[in-house]
Amino acid sequence: MFQFMTSTRIIFGEDALQSSLSVLNQFGYSVLLVTGQKIERASPILNYLKMQNMRYQHVAISGEPNITIVSGSNAIY
């Protein structure tokens, strides 16, 4: 089986990160955050999740995420 999903919304440009943080609240209070190995790049998002008292599981991977990695992380979470 093969699965592919694209973004339904892409936010980019100046202040894109700050503008997109409020979008997280529209999807509930549990987040699976998949990032690259440079964890410091995710700190604005992690700080926001903590401030909003949202549950999250952070998975840092090398390379591009695939369905197996995300599904395995989701099963643990």
PDB file of N, CA and C in Angstrom:
ATOM      1  N   MET A   1       0.845  -1.177   0.000  1.00  0.00           N
ATOM      2  CA  MET A   1       0.000   0.000   0.000  1.00  0.00           C
ATOM      3  C   MET A   1       0.888   1.237   0.000  1.00  0.00           C
ATOM      4  N   PHE A   2       0.420   2.272  -0.652  1.00  0.00           N
ATOM      5  CA  PHE A   2       1.137   3.537  -0.717  1.00  0.00           C
ATOM      6  C   PHE A   2       0.185   4.654  -0.327  1.00  0.00           C
ATOM      7  N   GLN A   3       0.650   5.559   0.500  1.00  0.00           N
ATOM      8  CA  GLN A   3      -0.171   6.700   0.903  1.00  0.00           C
ATOM      9  C   GLN A   3       0.575   7.986   0.623  1.00  0.00           C
ATOM     10  N   PHE A   4      -0.160   8.990   0.215  1.00  0.00           N
ATOM     11  CA  PHE A   4       0.434  10.294  -0.024  1.00  0.00           C
ATOM     12  C   PHE A   4      -0.577  11.357   0.362  1.00  0.00           C
ATOM     13  N   MET A   5      -0.132  12.329   1.112  1.00  0.00           N
ATOM     14  CA  MET A   5      -1.033  13.390   1.543  1.00  0.00           C
ATOM     15  C   MET A   5      -0.324  14.718   1.381  1.00  0.00           C
ATOM     16  N   THR A   6      -0.998  15.686   0.825  1.00  0.00           N
ATOM     17  CA  THR A   6      -0.410  17.009   0.676  1.00  0.00           C
ATOM     18  C   THR A   6      -1.075  17.977   1.646  1.00  0.00           C
ATOM     19  N   SER A   7      -0.428  19.071   1.833  1.00  0.00           N
ATOM     20  CA  SER A   7      -0.981  20.098   2.711  1.00  0.00           C
ATOM     21  C   SER A   7      -2.208  20.732   2.080  1.00  0.00           C
ATOM     22  N   THR A   8      -3.188  20.998   2.905  1.00  0.00           N
ATOM     23  CA  THR A   8      -4.355  21.721   2.406  1.00  0.00           C
ATOM     24  C   THR A   8      -4.176  23.214   2.597  1.00  0.00           C
ATOM     25  N   ARG A   9      -3.226  23.577   3.426  1.00  0.00           N
ATOM     26  CA  ARG A   9      -2.929  24.988   3.652  1.00  0.00           C
ATOM     27  C   ARG A   9      -1.425  25.138   3.827  1.00  0.00           C
ATOM     28  N   ILE A  10      -0.848  26.070   3.103  1.00  0.00           N
ATOM     29  CA  ILE A  10       0.576  26.374   3.236  1.00  0.00           C
ATOM     30  C   ILE A  10       0.687  27.850   3.583  1.00  0.00           C
ATOM     31  N   ILE A  11       1.346  28.140   4.685  1.00  0.00           N
ATOM     32  CA  ILE A  11       1.526  29.519   5.133  1.00  0.00           C
ATOM     33  C   ILE A  11       3.005  29.844   4.982  1.00  0.00           C
ATOM     34  N   PHE A  12       3.311  30.904   4.240  1.00  0.00           N
ATOM     35  CA  PHE A  12       4.713  31.249   4.025  1.00  0.00           C
ATOM     36  C   PHE A  12       4.865  32.761   3.977  1.00  0.00           C
ATOM     37  N   GLY A  13       6.112  33.202   4.033  1.00  0.00           N
ATOM     38  CA  GLY A  13       6.400  34.628   3.965  1.00  0.00           C
ATOM     39  C   GLY A  13       6.775  35.190   5.326  1.00  0.00           C
ATOM     40  N   GLU A  14       6.874  36.512   5.369  1.00  0.00           N
ATOM     41  CA  GLU A  14       7.256  37.200   6.590  1.00  0.00           C
ATOM     42  C   GLU A  14       6.243  36.913   7.701  1.00  0.00           C
ATOM     43  N   ASP A  15       6.731  36.590   8.876  1.00  0.00           N
ATOM     44  CA  ASP A  15       5.906  36.269  10.050  1.00  0.00           C
ATOM     45  C   ASP A  15       5.035  35.031   9.855  1.00  0.00           C
ATOM     46  N   ALA A  16       5.414  34.149   8.949  1.00  0.00           N
ATOM     47  CA  ALA A  16       4.610  32.949   8.675  1.00  0.00           C
ATOM     48  C   ALA A  16       4.510  32.053   9.906  1.00  0.00           C
ATOM     49  N   LEU A  17       5.607  31.890  10.627  1.00  0.00           N
ATOM     50  CA  LEU A  17       5.568  31.022  11.806  1.00  0.00           C
ATOM     51  C   LEU A  17       4.594  31.572  12.839  1.00  0.00           C
ATOM     52  N   GLN A  18       4.718  32.847  13.151  1.00  0.00           N
ATOM     53  CA  GLN A  18       3.837  33.451  14.150  1.00  0.00           C
ATOM     54  C   GLN A  18       2.379  33.380  13.713  1.00  0.00           C
ATOM     55  N   SER A  19       2.121  33.609  12.448  1.00  0.00           N
ATOM     56  CA  SER A  19       0.747  33.559  11.934  1.00  0.00           C
ATOM     57  C   SER A  19       0.179  32.151  11.968  1.00  0.00           C
ATOM     58  N   SER A  20       1.026  31.167  11.766  1.00  0.00           N
ATOM     59  CA  SER A  20       0.538  29.790  11.672  1.00  0.00           C
ATOM     60  C   SER A  20       0.331  29.125  13.029  1.00  0.00           C
ATOM     61  N   LEU A  21       0.921  29.650  14.087  1.00  0.00           N
ATOM     62  CA  LEU A  21       0.787  29.010  15.394  1.00  0.00           C
ATOM     63  C   LEU A  21      -0.664  28.930  15.845  1.00  0.00           C
ATOM     64  N   SER A  22      -1.429  29.979  15.610  1.00  0.00           N
ATOM     65  CA  SER A  22      -2.827  29.964  16.046  1.00  0.00           C
ATOM     66  C   SER A  22      -3.651  28.926  15.295  1.00  0.00           C
ATOM     67  N   VAL A  23      -3.186  28.504  14.135  1.00  0.00           N
ATOM     68  CA  VAL A  23      -3.885  27.481  13.349  1.00  0.00           C
ATOM     69  C   VAL A  23      -3.883  26.151  14.099  1.00  0.00           C
ATOM     70  N   LEU A  24      -2.860  25.898  14.902  1.00  0.00           N
ATOM     71  CA  LEU A  24      -2.764  24.637  15.638  1.00  0.00           C
ATOM     72  C   LEU A  24      -3.988  24.394  16.511  1.00  0.00           C
ATOM     73  N   ASN A  25      -4.527  25.437  17.099  1.00  0.00           N
ATOM     74  CA  ASN A  25      -5.677  25.287  17.997  1.00  0.00           C
ATOM     75  C   ASN A  25      -6.925  24.802  17.277  1.00  0.00           C
ATOM     76  N   GLN A  26      -6.984  24.957  15.978  1.00  0.00           N
ATOM     77  CA  GLN A  26      -8.149  24.524  15.215  1.00  0.00           C
ATOM     78  C   GLN A  26      -8.236  23.004  15.097  1.00  0.00           C
ATOM     79  N   PHE A  27      -7.144  22.316  15.398  1.00  0.00           N
ATOM     80  CA  PHE A  27      -7.084  20.875  15.170  1.00  0.00           C
ATOM     81  C   PHE A  27      -7.081  20.054  16.449  1.00  0.00           C
ATOM     82  N   GLY A  28      -7.343  20.664  17.586  1.00  0.00           N
ATOM     83  CA  GLY A  28      -7.385  19.917  18.830  1.00  0.00           C
ATOM     84  C   GLY A  28      -6.205  20.243  19.723  1.00  0.00           C
ATOM     85  N   TYR A  29      -5.934  19.350  20.679  1.00  0.00           N
ATOM     86  CA  TYR A  29      -4.905  19.627  21.673  1.00  0.00           C
ATOM     87  C   TYR A  29      -3.847  18.540  21.782  1.00  0.00           C
ATOM     88  N   SER A  30      -3.747  17.683  20.787  1.00  0.00           N
ATOM     89  CA  SER A  30      -2.698  16.662  20.754  1.00  0.00           C
ATOM     90  C   SER A  30      -1.938  16.809  19.453  1.00  0.00           C
ATOM     91  N   VAL A  31      -0.617  16.936  19.555  1.00  0.00           N
ATOM     92  CA  VAL A  31       0.209  17.219  18.385  1.00  0.00           C
ATOM     93  C   VAL A  31       1.323  16.192  18.272  1.00  0.00           C
ATOM     94  N   LEU A  32       1.513  15.665  17.078  1.00  0.00           N
ATOM     95  CA  LEU A  32       2.696  14.880  16.755  1.00  0.00           C
ATOM     96  C   LEU A  32       3.562  15.781  15.892  1.00  0.00           C
ATOM     97  N   LEU A  33       4.672  16.259  16.448  1.00  0.00           N
ATOM     98  CA  LEU A  33       5.562  17.197  15.770  1.00  0.00           C
ATOM     99  C   LEU A  33       6.778  16.439  15.257  1.00  0.00           C
ATOM    100  N   VAL A  34       6.922  16.361  13.951  1.00  0.00           N
ATOM    101  CA  VAL A  34       8.043  15.669  13.321  1.00  0.00           C
ATOM    102  C   VAL A  34       8.951  16.729  12.723  1.00  0.00           C
ATOM    103  N   THR A  35      10.218  16.741  13.184  1.00  0.00           N
ATOM    104  CA  THR A  35      11.171  17.747  12.719  1.00  0.00           C
ATOM    105  C   THR A  35      12.477  17.081  12.314  1.00  0.00           C
ATOM    106  N   GLY A  36      13.378  17.903  11.804  1.00  0.00           N
ATOM    107  CA  GLY A  36      14.730  17.448  11.518  1.00  0.00           C
ATOM    108  C   GLY A  36      15.538  17.369  12.810  1.00  0.00           C
ATOM    109  N   GLN A  37      16.815  17.085  12.675  1.00  0.00           N
ATOM    110  CA  GLN A  37      17.680  16.892  13.838  1.00  0.00           C
ATOM    111  C   GLN A  37      17.985  18.185  14.595  1.00  0.00           C
ATOM    112  N   LYS A  38      17.864  19.337  13.952  1.00  0.00           N
ATOM    113  CA  LYS A  38      18.169  20.611  14.608  1.00  0.00           C
ATOM    114  C   LYS A  38      16.969  21.040  15.450  1.00  0.00           C
ATOM    115  N   ILE A  39      16.959  20.559  16.680  1.00  0.00           N
ATOM    116  CA  ILE A  39      15.814  20.759  17.564  1.00  0.00           C
ATOM    117  C   ILE A  39      15.579  22.240  17.857  1.00  0.00           C
ATOM    118  N   GLU A  40      16.647  23.037  17.894  1.00  0.00           N
ATOM    119  CA  GLU A  40      16.488  24.459  18.204  1.00  0.00           C
ATOM    120  C   GLU A  40      15.594  25.175  17.188  1.00  0.00           C
ATOM    121  N   ARG A  41      15.507  24.659  15.976  1.00  0.00           N
ATOM    122  CA  ARG A  41      14.631  25.271  14.973  1.00  0.00           C
ATOM    123  C   ARG A  41      13.160  25.087  15.326  1.00  0.00           C
ATOM    124  N   ALA A  42      12.862  24.074  16.113  1.00  0.00           N
ATOM    125  CA  ALA A  42      11.476  23.802  16.507  1.00  0.00           C
ATOM    126  C   ALA A  42      11.089  24.520  17.795  1.00  0.00           C
ATOM    127  N   SER A  43      12.020  25.215  18.427  1.00  0.00           N
ATOM    128  CA  SER A  43      11.730  25.810  19.737  1.00  0.00           C
ATOM    129  C   SER A  43      10.558  26.791  19.734  1.00  0.00           C
ATOM    130  N   PRO A  44      10.336  27.617  18.705  1.00  0.00           N
ATOM    131  CA  PRO A  44       9.142  28.480  18.751  1.00  0.00           C
ATOM    132  C   PRO A  44       7.841  27.677  18.801  1.00  0.00           C
ATOM    133  N   ILE A  45       7.783  26.595  18.061  1.00  0.00           N
ATOM    134  CA  ILE A  45       6.580  25.763  18.068  1.00  0.00           C
ATOM    135  C   ILE A  45       6.444  25.042  19.405  1.00  0.00           C
ATOM    136  N   LEU A  46       7.541  24.480  19.903  1.00  0.00           N
ATOM    137  CA  LEU A  46       7.506  23.787  21.193  1.00  0.00           C
ATOM    138  C   LEU A  46       7.094  24.732  22.317  1.00  0.00           C
ATOM    139  N   ASN A  47       7.626  25.953  22.299  1.00  0.00           N
ATOM    140  CA  ASN A  47       7.249  26.939  23.318  1.00  0.00           C
ATOM    141  C   ASN A  47       5.763  27.263  23.243  1.00  0.00           C
ATOM    142  N   TYR A  48       5.241  27.404  22.039  1.00  0.00           N
ATOM    143  CA  TYR A  48       3.818  27.692  21.869  1.00  0.00           C
ATOM    144  C   TYR A  48       2.965  26.545  22.406  1.00  0.00           C
ATOM    145  N   LEU A  49       3.350  25.313  22.084  1.00  0.00           N
ATOM    146  CA  LEU A  49       2.595  24.151  22.564  1.00  0.00           C
ATOM    147  C   LEU A  49       2.567  24.113  24.091  1.00  0.00           C
ATOM    148  N   LYS A  50       3.697  24.416  24.707  1.00  0.00           N
ATOM    149  CA  LYS A  50       3.770  24.435  26.172  1.00  0.00           C
ATOM    150  C   LYS A  50       2.891  25.542  26.747  1.00  0.00           C
ATOM    151  N   MET A  51       2.946  26.736  26.145  1.00  0.00           N
ATOM    152  CA  MET A  51       2.138  27.861  26.634  1.00  0.00           C
ATOM    153  C   MET A  51       0.643  27.573  26.523  1.00  0.00           C
ATOM    154  N   GLN A  52       0.249  26.820  25.511  1.00  0.00           N
ATOM    155  CA  GLN A  52      -1.159  26.500  25.295  1.00  0.00           C
ATOM    156  C   GLN A  52      -1.590  25.231  26.035  1.00  0.00           C
ATOM    157  N   ASN A  53      -0.663  24.648  26.808  1.00  0.00           N
ATOM    158  CA  ASN A  53      -0.931  23.398  27.535  1.00  0.00           C
ATOM    159  C   ASN A  53      -1.421  22.291  26.610  1.00  0.00           C
ATOM    160  N   MET A  54      -0.826  22.221  25.437  1.00  0.00           N
ATOM    161  CA  MET A  54      -1.190  21.186  24.471  1.00  0.00           C
ATOM    162  C   MET A  54      -0.300  19.966  24.678  1.00  0.00           C
ATOM    163  N   ARG A  55      -0.878  18.780  24.521  1.00  0.00           N
ATOM    164  CA  ARG A  55      -0.090  17.542  24.580  1.00  0.00           C
ATOM    165  C   ARG A  55       0.668  17.419  23.267  1.00  0.00           C
ATOM    166  N   TYR A  56       1.918  16.987  23.360  1.00  0.00           N
ATOM    167  CA  TYR A  56       2.667  16.796  22.125  1.00  0.00           C
ATOM    168  C   TYR A  56       3.707  15.701  22.286  1.00  0.00           C
ATOM    169  N   GLN A  57       4.028  15.105  21.173  1.00  0.00           N
ATOM    170  CA  GLN A  57       5.126  14.148  21.065  1.00  0.00           C
ATOM    171  C   GLN A  57       6.037  14.699  19.981  1.00  0.00           C
ATOM    172  N   HIS A  58       7.297  14.935  20.329  1.00  0.00           N
ATOM    173  CA  HIS A  58       8.248  15.479  19.367  1.00  0.00           C
ATOM    174  C   HIS A  58       9.173  14.362  18.899  1.00  0.00           C
ATOM    175  N   VAL A  59       9.230  14.165  17.600  1.00  0.00           N
ATOM    176  CA  VAL A  59      10.096  13.155  17.005  1.00  0.00           C
ATOM    177  C   VAL A  59      11.066  13.865  16.069  1.00  0.00           C
ATOM    178  N   ALA A  60      12.364  13.774  16.361  1.00  0.00           N
ATOM    179  CA  ALA A  60      13.390  14.362  15.501  1.00  0.00           C
ATOM    180  C   ALA A  60      13.984  13.258  14.638  1.00  0.00           C
ATOM    181  N   ILE A  61      13.987  13.474  13.334  1.00  0.00           N
ATOM    182  CA  ILE A  61      14.497  12.465  12.410  1.00  0.00           C
ATOM    183  C   ILE A  61      15.514  13.094  11.470  1.00  0.00           C
ATOM    184  N   SER A  62      16.303  12.252  10.833  1.00  0.00           N
ATOM    185  CA  SER A  62      17.188  12.739   9.779  1.00  0.00           C
ATOM    186  C   SER A  62      16.535  12.404   8.444  1.00  0.00           C
ATOM    187  N   GLY A  63      16.685  13.276   7.496  1.00  0.00           N
ATOM    188  CA  GLY A  63      16.073  13.046   6.192  1.00  0.00           C
ATOM    189  C   GLY A  63      14.599  13.399   6.183  1.00  0.00           C
ATOM    190  N   GLU A  64      13.927  12.950   5.168  1.00  0.00           N
ATOM    191  CA  GLU A  64      12.500  13.220   5.009  1.00  0.00           C
ATOM    192  C   GLU A  64      11.669  12.201   5.785  1.00  0.00           C
ATOM    193  N   PRO A  65      10.587  12.648   6.412  1.00  0.00           N
ATOM    194  CA  PRO A  65       9.724  11.689   7.112  1.00  0.00           C
ATOM    195  C   PRO A  65       8.987  10.810   6.113  1.00  0.00           C
ATOM    196  N   ASN A  66       8.693   9.595   6.526  1.00  0.00           N
ATOM    197  CA  ASN A  66       7.892   8.716   5.674  1.00  0.00           C
ATOM    198  C   ASN A  66       6.746   8.146   6.507  1.00  0.00           C
ATOM    199  N   ILE A  67       5.860   7.462   5.851  1.00  0.00           N
ATOM    200  CA  ILE A  67       4.666   6.939   6.510  1.00  0.00           C
ATOM    201  C   ILE A  67       5.024   5.997   7.657  1.00  0.00           C
ATOM    202  N   THR A  68       6.050   5.158   7.479  1.00  0.00           N
ATOM    203  CA  THR A  68       6.448   4.203   8.515  1.00  0.00           C
ATOM    204  C   THR A  68       6.889   4.923   9.783  1.00  0.00           C
ATOM    205  N   ILE A  69       7.716   5.948   9.638  1.00  0.00           N
ATOM    206  CA  ILE A  69       8.199   6.698  10.802  1.00  0.00           C
ATOM    207  C   ILE A  69       7.039   7.385  11.513  1.00  0.00           C
ATOM    208  N   VAL A  70       6.206   8.056  10.757  1.00  0.00           N
ATOM    209  CA  VAL A  70       5.096   8.795  11.360  1.00  0.00           C
ATOM    210  C   VAL A  70       4.082   7.839  11.985  1.00  0.00           C
ATOM    211  N   SER A  71       3.766   6.753  11.310  1.00  0.00           N
ATOM    212  CA  SER A  71       2.818   5.776  11.858  1.00  0.00           C
ATOM    213  C   SER A  71       3.359   5.144  13.132  1.00  0.00           C
ATOM    214  N   GLY A  72       4.641   4.809  13.150  1.00  0.00           N
ATOM    215  CA  GLY A  72       5.253   4.233  14.343  1.00  0.00           C
ATOM    216  C   GLY A  72       5.236   5.201  15.508  1.00  0.00           C
ATOM    217  N   SER A  73       5.513   6.461  15.243  1.00  0.00           N
ATOM    218  CA  SER A  73       5.476   7.484  16.287  1.00  0.00           C
ATOM    219  C   SER A  73       4.060   7.699  16.773  1.00  0.00           C
ATOM    220  N   ASN A  74       3.117   7.678  15.870  1.00  0.00           N
ATOM    221  CA  ASN A  74       1.713   7.873  16.217  1.00  0.00           C
ATOM    222  C   ASN A  74       1.208   6.726  17.089  1.00  0.00           C
ATOM    223  N   ALA A  75       1.651   5.510  16.818  1.00  0.00           N
ATOM    224  CA  ALA A  75       1.231   4.347  17.608  1.00  0.00           C
ATOM    225  C   ALA A  75       1.726   4.465  19.049  1.00  0.00           C
ATOM    226  N   ILE A  76       2.931   4.983  19.229  1.00  0.00           N
ATOM    227  CA  ILE A  76       3.487   5.171  20.569  1.00  0.00           C
ATOM    228  C   ILE A  76       2.730   6.267  21.297  1.00  0.00           C
ATOM    229  N   TYR A  77       2.393   7.317  20.573  1.00  0.00           N
ATOM    230  CA  TYR A  77       1.728   8.474  21.156  1.00  0.00           C
ATOM    231  C   TYR A  77       0.304   8.134  21.484  1.00  0.00           C
TER     232      TYR A  77
END
